[in-house]
């Protein structure tokens, strides 16, 4: 089950569970769409993978033990450890390679 992190790891923008702007990589690194497009160029600074839109977990438990009621989003904010220059340099090295070929 996805952790549903509460913020963009780059700009710290709030990304609540119902946010359509949240993007994740295969390791659940979480960034807003603006940072993914404008700063990261679809390159996760942690694993080098690409991003997809984070699914929205239903607020209501449509079936027993499901939904945000039973599996709330994380409250732990995570921030990238890399500087903007490091993000730019890393992204530049592999952003021309399609995510499925990295």
N, C-alpha and C. Protein backbone atom coordinates (compact mmCIF):
# COMPACT_ATOMS: atom_id res chain seq x y z
N UNK A 1 0.84 -1.16 0.00
CA UNK A 1 0.00 0.00 0.00
C UNK A 1 0.90 1.24 0.00
N UNK A 2 0.52 2.23 -0.78
CA UNK A 2 1.31 3.45 -0.87
C UNK A 2 1.30 4.23 0.44
N UNK A 3 2.43 4.85 0.72
CA UNK A 3 2.59 5.63 1.93
C UNK A 3 1.81 6.95 1.88
N UNK A 4 1.59 7.50 0.71
CA UNK A 4 0.92 8.80 0.52
C UNK A 4 1.60 9.89 1.35
N UNK A 5 2.79 10.24 0.94
CA UNK A 5 3.57 11.28 1.63
C UNK A 5 2.88 12.63 1.48
N UNK A 6 3.01 13.49 2.49
CA UNK A 6 2.20 14.71 2.55
C UNK A 6 2.75 15.93 1.83
N UNK A 7 3.95 15.81 1.23
CA UNK A 7 4.55 17.01 0.66
C UNK A 7 5.45 16.69 -0.52
N UNK A 8 5.75 17.72 -1.29
CA UNK A 8 6.74 17.62 -2.36
C UNK A 8 8.11 17.62 -1.70
N UNK A 9 8.93 16.66 -2.03
CA UNK A 9 10.25 16.54 -1.42
C UNK A 9 11.20 17.63 -1.89
N UNK A 10 10.83 18.37 -2.93
CA UNK A 10 11.67 19.43 -3.46
C UNK A 10 11.25 20.80 -2.93
N UNK A 11 10.01 21.20 -3.19
CA UNK A 11 9.56 22.56 -2.82
C UNK A 11 8.72 22.59 -1.55
N UNK A 12 8.42 21.44 -0.98
CA UNK A 12 7.65 21.30 0.26
C UNK A 12 6.18 21.68 0.12
N UNK A 13 5.68 21.75 -1.10
CA UNK A 13 4.26 22.01 -1.32
C UNK A 13 3.43 20.90 -0.68
N UNK A 14 2.34 21.26 -0.04
CA UNK A 14 1.44 20.26 0.53
C UNK A 14 0.81 19.43 -0.58
N UNK A 15 0.80 18.11 -0.38
CA UNK A 15 0.20 17.18 -1.34
C UNK A 15 -0.74 16.25 -0.57
N UNK A 16 -1.93 16.74 -0.24
CA UNK A 16 -2.88 15.92 0.52
C UNK A 16 -3.27 14.67 -0.27
N UNK A 17 -3.88 13.69 0.40
CA UNK A 17 -4.21 12.42 -0.25
C UNK A 17 -5.07 12.54 -1.50
N UNK A 18 -5.88 13.58 -1.59
CA UNK A 18 -6.75 13.75 -2.77
C UNK A 18 -6.15 14.68 -3.82
N UNK A 19 -4.87 14.97 -3.72
CA UNK A 19 -4.20 15.90 -4.62
C UNK A 19 -3.92 15.24 -5.97
N UNK A 20 -4.38 15.86 -7.03
CA UNK A 20 -4.15 15.35 -8.38
C UNK A 20 -2.78 15.76 -8.91
N UNK A 21 -2.06 16.58 -8.16
CA UNK A 21 -0.77 17.14 -8.56
C UNK A 21 0.41 16.29 -8.07
N UNK A 22 0.18 15.25 -7.29
CA UNK A 22 1.26 14.45 -6.71
C UNK A 22 1.79 13.43 -7.71
N UNK A 23 3.10 13.33 -7.77
CA UNK A 23 3.77 12.38 -8.66
C UNK A 23 4.69 11.51 -7.80
N UNK A 24 4.80 10.21 -8.18
CA UNK A 24 5.67 9.30 -7.43
C UNK A 24 6.53 8.48 -8.38
N UNK A 25 7.66 8.02 -7.84
CA UNK A 25 8.50 7.06 -8.57
C UNK A 25 8.20 5.68 -8.01
N UNK A 26 8.92 4.69 -8.46
CA UNK A 26 8.68 3.32 -8.02
C UNK A 26 8.99 3.11 -6.54
N UNK A 27 9.80 4.00 -5.95
CA UNK A 27 10.11 3.91 -4.52
C UNK A 27 9.23 4.83 -3.68
N UNK A 28 8.22 5.41 -4.29
CA UNK A 28 7.27 6.31 -3.64
C UNK A 28 7.85 7.67 -3.29
N UNK A 29 9.01 8.01 -3.86
CA UNK A 29 9.51 9.37 -3.71
C UNK A 29 8.40 10.26 -4.28
N UNK A 30 8.10 11.35 -3.60
CA UNK A 30 6.91 12.13 -3.93
C UNK A 30 7.28 13.58 -4.22
N UNK A 31 6.83 14.05 -5.36
CA UNK A 31 7.10 15.42 -5.79
C UNK A 31 5.85 15.97 -6.46
N UNK A 32 5.72 17.29 -6.51
CA UNK A 32 4.60 17.91 -7.21
C UNK A 32 4.90 17.89 -8.72
N UNK A 33 3.86 17.99 -9.52
CA UNK A 33 4.02 17.93 -10.97
C UNK A 33 4.91 19.06 -11.48
N UNK A 34 4.83 20.25 -10.87
CA UNK A 34 5.68 21.36 -11.31
C UNK A 34 7.15 21.04 -11.14
N UNK A 35 7.53 20.51 -9.99
CA UNK A 35 8.94 20.16 -9.76
C UNK A 35 9.39 19.03 -10.68
N UNK A 36 8.52 18.04 -10.89
CA UNK A 36 8.86 16.92 -11.78
C UNK A 36 9.13 17.43 -13.19
N UNK A 37 8.32 18.36 -13.66
CA UNK A 37 8.46 18.86 -15.02
C UNK A 37 9.56 19.91 -15.15
N UNK A 38 9.59 20.89 -14.24
CA UNK A 38 10.45 22.06 -14.39
C UNK A 38 11.86 21.89 -13.82
N UNK A 39 11.99 21.10 -12.76
CA UNK A 39 13.28 20.98 -12.09
C UNK A 39 13.91 19.60 -12.31
N UNK A 40 13.11 18.55 -12.13
CA UNK A 40 13.64 17.19 -12.19
C UNK A 40 13.63 16.59 -13.60
N UNK A 41 12.82 17.15 -14.48
CA UNK A 41 12.72 16.68 -15.87
C UNK A 41 12.42 15.18 -15.92
N UNK A 42 11.48 14.76 -15.06
CA UNK A 42 11.02 13.38 -14.98
C UNK A 42 12.13 12.40 -14.59
N UNK A 43 13.10 12.86 -13.80
CA UNK A 43 14.17 12.01 -13.30
C UNK A 43 14.13 12.07 -11.77
N UNK A 44 13.84 10.95 -11.13
CA UNK A 44 13.84 10.93 -9.68
C UNK A 44 15.28 11.13 -9.19
N UNK A 45 15.51 12.11 -8.32
CA UNK A 45 16.88 12.36 -7.85
C UNK A 45 17.41 11.27 -6.93
N UNK A 46 16.55 10.40 -6.47
CA UNK A 46 16.97 9.35 -5.55
C UNK A 46 17.29 8.03 -6.25
N UNK A 47 16.50 7.68 -7.28
CA UNK A 47 16.71 6.37 -7.93
C UNK A 47 16.99 6.48 -9.42
N UNK A 48 16.74 7.64 -10.02
CA UNK A 48 16.96 7.80 -11.46
C UNK A 48 15.79 7.37 -12.32
N UNK A 49 14.73 6.87 -11.70
CA UNK A 49 13.54 6.45 -12.43
C UNK A 49 12.68 7.62 -12.85
N UNK A 50 11.59 7.31 -13.51
CA UNK A 50 10.63 8.33 -13.91
C UNK A 50 9.49 8.41 -12.92
N UNK A 51 8.52 9.27 -13.21
CA UNK A 51 7.39 9.50 -12.32
C UNK A 51 6.07 9.17 -12.99
N UNK A 52 5.10 8.84 -12.17
CA UNK A 52 3.72 8.66 -12.61
C UNK A 52 2.84 9.41 -11.62
N UNK A 53 1.62 9.68 -12.05
CA UNK A 53 0.66 10.34 -11.17
C UNK A 53 0.35 9.42 -9.98
N UNK A 54 0.39 9.97 -8.77
CA UNK A 54 0.07 9.17 -7.59
C UNK A 54 -1.42 8.92 -7.54
N UNK A 55 -1.83 7.67 -7.35
CA UNK A 55 -3.27 7.38 -7.25
C UNK A 55 -3.89 8.06 -6.03
N UNK A 56 -5.16 8.32 -6.13
CA UNK A 56 -5.90 8.91 -5.01
C UNK A 56 -6.61 7.80 -4.26
N UNK A 57 -6.29 7.67 -2.98
CA UNK A 57 -6.93 6.65 -2.15
C UNK A 57 -8.33 7.13 -1.80
N UNK A 58 -9.34 6.30 -1.99
CA UNK A 58 -10.70 6.71 -1.65
C UNK A 58 -10.81 7.12 -0.18
N UNK A 59 -11.52 8.20 0.06
CA UNK A 59 -11.74 8.66 1.44
C UNK A 59 -12.66 7.70 2.18
N UNK A 60 -13.62 7.17 1.46
CA UNK A 60 -14.59 6.27 2.07
C UNK A 60 -14.11 4.82 1.99
N UNK A 61 -14.41 4.05 3.00
CA UNK A 61 -14.09 2.62 2.99
C UNK A 61 -15.21 1.89 2.26
N UNK A 62 -15.06 1.76 0.97
CA UNK A 62 -16.09 1.10 0.15
C UNK A 62 -16.16 -0.40 0.44
N UNK A 63 -15.08 -0.94 0.93
CA UNK A 63 -15.03 -2.33 1.39
C UNK A 63 -14.34 -2.31 2.76
N UNK A 64 -14.61 -3.31 3.58
CA UNK A 64 -14.00 -3.32 4.91
C UNK A 64 -12.47 -3.21 4.81
N UNK A 65 -11.90 -2.45 5.69
CA UNK A 65 -10.45 -2.23 5.84
C UNK A 65 -9.81 -1.45 4.71
N UNK A 66 -10.58 -0.72 3.92
CA UNK A 66 -10.00 0.08 2.85
C UNK A 66 -10.21 1.56 3.12
N UNK A 67 -9.72 2.38 2.23
CA UNK A 67 -9.94 3.83 2.31
C UNK A 67 -9.04 4.53 3.31
N UNK A 68 -9.09 5.84 3.25
CA UNK A 68 -8.29 6.67 4.16
C UNK A 68 -8.67 6.48 5.62
N UNK A 69 -9.89 6.11 5.87
CA UNK A 69 -10.34 5.88 7.24
C UNK A 69 -9.49 4.80 7.91
N UNK A 70 -9.22 3.74 7.18
CA UNK A 70 -8.46 2.62 7.72
C UNK A 70 -6.96 2.70 7.44
N UNK A 71 -6.58 3.42 6.41
CA UNK A 71 -5.18 3.55 6.02
C UNK A 71 -4.89 5.02 5.71
N UNK A 72 -4.73 5.84 6.75
CA UNK A 72 -4.52 7.27 6.54
C UNK A 72 -3.18 7.56 5.87
N UNK A 73 -3.11 8.73 5.28
CA UNK A 73 -1.87 9.18 4.65
C UNK A 73 -0.82 9.45 5.72
N UNK A 74 0.42 9.39 5.30
CA UNK A 74 1.54 9.67 6.20
C UNK A 74 1.53 11.14 6.60
N UNK A 75 2.00 11.42 7.79
CA UNK A 75 2.17 12.80 8.26
C UNK A 75 3.64 13.22 8.24
N UNK A 76 4.53 12.27 7.95
CA UNK A 76 5.97 12.53 7.98
C UNK A 76 6.41 13.23 6.70
N UNK A 77 6.89 14.46 6.85
CA UNK A 77 7.36 15.23 5.72
C UNK A 77 8.79 14.83 5.39
N UNK A 78 9.07 14.66 4.09
CA UNK A 78 10.38 14.26 3.62
C UNK A 78 10.89 15.32 2.66
N UNK A 79 12.18 15.63 2.76
CA UNK A 79 12.78 16.66 1.91
C UNK A 79 14.02 16.07 1.24
N UNK A 80 14.23 16.44 0.00
CA UNK A 80 15.41 15.95 -0.71
C UNK A 80 16.67 16.45 -0.03
N UNK A 81 17.69 15.63 -0.06
CA UNK A 81 18.97 16.01 0.55
C UNK A 81 19.88 16.69 -0.45
N UNK A 82 19.42 16.82 -1.69
CA UNK A 82 20.25 17.38 -2.75
C UNK A 82 19.95 18.85 -2.99
N UNK A 83 20.99 19.60 -3.32
CA UNK A 83 20.83 21.01 -3.65
C UNK A 83 20.25 21.14 -5.05
N UNK A 84 19.81 22.32 -5.39
CA UNK A 84 19.26 22.56 -6.72
C UNK A 84 20.30 22.27 -7.79
N UNK A 85 21.55 22.66 -7.55
CA UNK A 85 22.62 22.39 -8.51
C UNK A 85 22.82 20.88 -8.69
N UNK A 86 22.76 20.13 -7.60
CA UNK A 86 22.91 18.68 -7.68
C UNK A 86 21.74 18.04 -8.43
N UNK A 87 20.52 18.55 -8.19
CA UNK A 87 19.35 18.05 -8.91
C UNK A 87 19.50 18.29 -10.40
N UNK A 88 19.92 19.51 -10.76
CA UNK A 88 20.09 19.86 -12.17
C UNK A 88 21.15 18.97 -12.84
N UNK A 89 22.28 18.79 -12.17
CA UNK A 89 23.38 18.01 -12.73
C UNK A 89 22.97 16.55 -12.92
N UNK A 90 22.33 15.96 -11.93
CA UNK A 90 21.92 14.56 -12.02
C UNK A 90 20.90 14.37 -13.13
N UNK A 91 19.90 15.23 -13.16
CA UNK A 91 18.86 15.13 -14.18
C UNK A 91 19.44 15.26 -15.58
N UNK A 92 20.40 16.15 -15.74
CA UNK A 92 21.00 16.39 -17.05
C UNK A 92 21.71 15.15 -17.59
N UNK A 93 22.21 14.30 -16.70
CA UNK A 93 22.97 13.13 -17.16
C UNK A 93 22.09 12.03 -17.75
N UNK A 94 20.82 11.95 -17.34
CA UNK A 94 20.00 10.83 -17.82
C UNK A 94 18.61 11.21 -18.32
N UNK A 95 18.27 12.47 -18.33
CA UNK A 95 16.89 12.83 -18.72
C UNK A 95 16.57 12.56 -20.18
N UNK A 96 17.55 12.39 -21.02
CA UNK A 96 17.28 12.08 -22.43
C UNK A 96 17.02 10.58 -22.64
N UNK A 97 17.27 9.79 -21.62
CA UNK A 97 17.00 8.35 -21.70
C UNK A 97 15.58 8.12 -21.21
N UNK A 98 14.72 7.49 -21.99
CA UNK A 98 13.34 7.24 -21.54
C UNK A 98 13.34 6.44 -20.23
N UNK A 99 12.41 6.73 -19.33
CA UNK A 99 12.37 6.04 -18.04
C UNK A 99 12.39 4.52 -18.13
N UNK A 100 11.76 3.96 -19.15
CA UNK A 100 11.72 2.49 -19.26
C UNK A 100 13.05 1.91 -19.76
N UNK A 101 14.01 2.77 -20.08
CA UNK A 101 15.32 2.29 -20.53
C UNK A 101 16.45 2.68 -19.58
N UNK A 102 16.09 3.30 -18.44
CA UNK A 102 17.13 3.73 -17.50
C UNK A 102 17.60 2.58 -16.65
